[in-house]
Protein backbone atom coordinates (compact mmCIF):
# COMPACT_ATOMS: atom_id res chain seq x y z
CA MET A 1 -5.49 -48.83 -192.41
CA ASP A 2 -5.50 -52.77 -193.14
CA THR A 3 -6.33 -55.75 -191.11
CA PRO A 4 -3.55 -58.30 -191.11
CA LEU A 5 -4.81 -61.65 -192.92
CA GLU A 6 -3.45 -63.63 -189.95
CA TYR A 7 -6.61 -62.97 -187.88
CA GLY A 8 -9.71 -64.91 -188.23
CA PRO A 9 -13.13 -63.19 -187.95
CA ASP A 10 -13.44 -63.30 -184.29
CA GLU A 11 -9.75 -62.76 -183.69
CA GLY A 12 -7.57 -59.72 -183.04
CA PRO A 13 -7.53 -56.81 -181.22
CA ALA A 14 -10.41 -54.44 -181.36
CA GLN A 15 -9.62 -51.44 -183.84
CA LYS A 16 -11.64 -48.25 -184.36
CA VAL A 17 -12.77 -47.68 -188.20
CA SER A 18 -15.30 -45.05 -189.95
CA VAL A 19 -18.30 -46.13 -191.07
CA SER A 20 -21.22 -44.25 -193.36
CA MET A 21 -24.57 -44.78 -192.37
CA PRO A 22 -27.75 -42.78 -192.37
CA ALA A 23 -28.50 -40.54 -189.21
CA GLY A 24 -31.76 -42.06 -188.29
CA ARG A 25 -29.74 -45.68 -188.35
CA ILE A 26 -27.43 -44.81 -186.11
CA ALA A 27 -30.26 -43.05 -183.39
CA ALA A 28 -32.12 -46.31 -183.75
CA VAL A 29 -29.37 -48.26 -183.09
CA LYS A 30 -28.35 -46.01 -179.92
CA ALA A 31 -31.86 -45.54 -179.24
CA ARG A 32 -31.81 -50.32 -178.38
CA VAL A 33 -28.27 -50.23 -176.61
CA GLY A 34 -27.23 -47.12 -175.50
CA THR A 35 -23.95 -45.23 -177.06
CA ARG A 36 -21.79 -47.67 -175.25
CA GLY A 37 -23.36 -50.49 -176.77
CA PHE A 38 -22.53 -49.08 -180.13
CA SER A 39 -19.68 -51.04 -181.25
CA ALA A 40 -20.81 -54.29 -180.25
CA TYR A 41 -24.27 -54.10 -182.04
CA ILE A 42 -22.73 -53.03 -185.00
CA SER A 43 -20.18 -55.80 -184.51
CA ALA A 44 -22.69 -58.50 -183.87
CA ALA A 45 -24.56 -57.00 -187.17
CA VAL A 46 -21.75 -57.60 -188.78
CA GLU A 47 -21.29 -61.17 -187.69
CA ARG A 48 -24.53 -61.85 -189.09
CA GLN A 49 -24.33 -60.47 -192.27
CA ILE A 50 -20.68 -62.66 -193.13
CA GLN A 51 -22.51 -65.69 -192.16
CA ARG A 52 -25.21 -65.00 -194.40
CA ASP A 53 -22.94 -64.34 -197.48
CA LEU A 54 -21.23 -67.32 -196.54
CA LEU A 55 -24.57 -69.12 -196.13
CA ASP A 56 -25.60 -67.34 -199.88
CA GLU A 57 -21.94 -69.30 -201.44
CA LEU A 58 -22.57 -72.72 -199.58
CA VAL A 59 -26.12 -72.40 -201.61
CA GLN A 60 -25.02 -71.34 -204.45
CA ALA A 61 -22.27 -74.02 -204.94
CA SER A 62 -24.49 -76.69 -204.20
CA GLU A 63 -26.75 -75.63 -206.73
CA ARG A 64 -24.58 -75.56 -209.48
CA GLU A 65 -23.42 -78.92 -208.55
CA THR A 66 -26.75 -80.26 -207.90
CA GLY A 67 -29.50 -78.23 -209.05
CA PRO A 68 -31.95 -75.61 -207.83
CA ILE A 69 -33.80 -76.36 -204.26
CA PRO A 70 -36.85 -78.11 -205.40
CA GLN A 71 -40.01 -75.62 -204.30
CA ALA A 72 -41.76 -77.83 -201.85
CA MET A 73 -38.89 -78.05 -200.01
CA HIS A 74 -38.42 -73.81 -200.38
CA ASP A 75 -41.66 -74.13 -198.98
CA ARG A 76 -41.16 -75.67 -195.92
CA ALA A 77 -37.59 -74.03 -194.66
CA THR A 78 -39.18 -70.77 -195.10
CA ALA A 79 -42.57 -71.78 -193.18
CA ALA A 80 -40.27 -73.35 -190.50
CA ILE A 81 -37.94 -69.96 -189.95
CA LEU A 82 -40.89 -68.04 -189.96
CA ALA A 83 -42.66 -70.22 -187.27
CA ALA A 84 -39.34 -69.95 -185.10
CA GLU A 85 -38.86 -66.64 -185.38
CA ALA A 86 -42.44 -65.93 -184.61
CA LEU A 87 -41.65 -68.43 -181.30
CA ALA A 88 -38.62 -66.42 -180.64
CA ALA A 89 -40.52 -62.99 -180.96
CA THR A 90 -43.36 -64.14 -178.00
CA GLU A 91 -40.37 -65.62 -175.87
CA THR A 92 -38.64 -62.30 -175.64
CA ASP A 93 -41.94 -60.38 -174.92
CA ALA A 94 -42.58 -62.63 -172.54
CA GLU A 95 -38.95 -63.10 -171.10
CA SER A 96 -37.39 -59.14 -171.63
CA PRO A 97 -37.19 -57.55 -167.95
CA GLN A 98 -39.12 -55.03 -168.64
CA GLY A 99 -41.85 -57.50 -170.25
CA ASP A 100 -42.67 -55.09 -173.10
CA GLY A 101 -40.09 -57.00 -175.17
CA THR A 102 -37.13 -54.41 -174.59
CA TRP A 103 -34.16 -54.87 -173.04
CA PRO A 104 -32.43 -52.56 -170.50
CA ASP A 105 -29.03 -50.71 -172.08
CA ARG A 106 -26.33 -52.94 -171.04
CA ALA A 107 -22.54 -51.44 -170.81
CA ALA A 108 -19.79 -53.61 -172.41
CA SER A 109 -17.83 -56.39 -170.12
């Protein structure tokens, strides 16, 4: 089943596809989002991976033009990302309806 190229990454009708992954990973996703949220979770994960791939391509193109990122700048960016992740984790724990960092299963809207 080919997807027409006239659709952008977030456009077009939903289509069923078959993917293979370890049973444990499937169980972990279902435990987080339930059976009904599985497709949305996987779609969001694919979207994040595409964004990471595009960012990596941008960094590589930039490094070809201007050279590698200085180590000090890399270290500052890494520290900022780690601090943001830590803050997000504490906010998620405090804001989740169950108070334990988890969210209840939600049906797709």
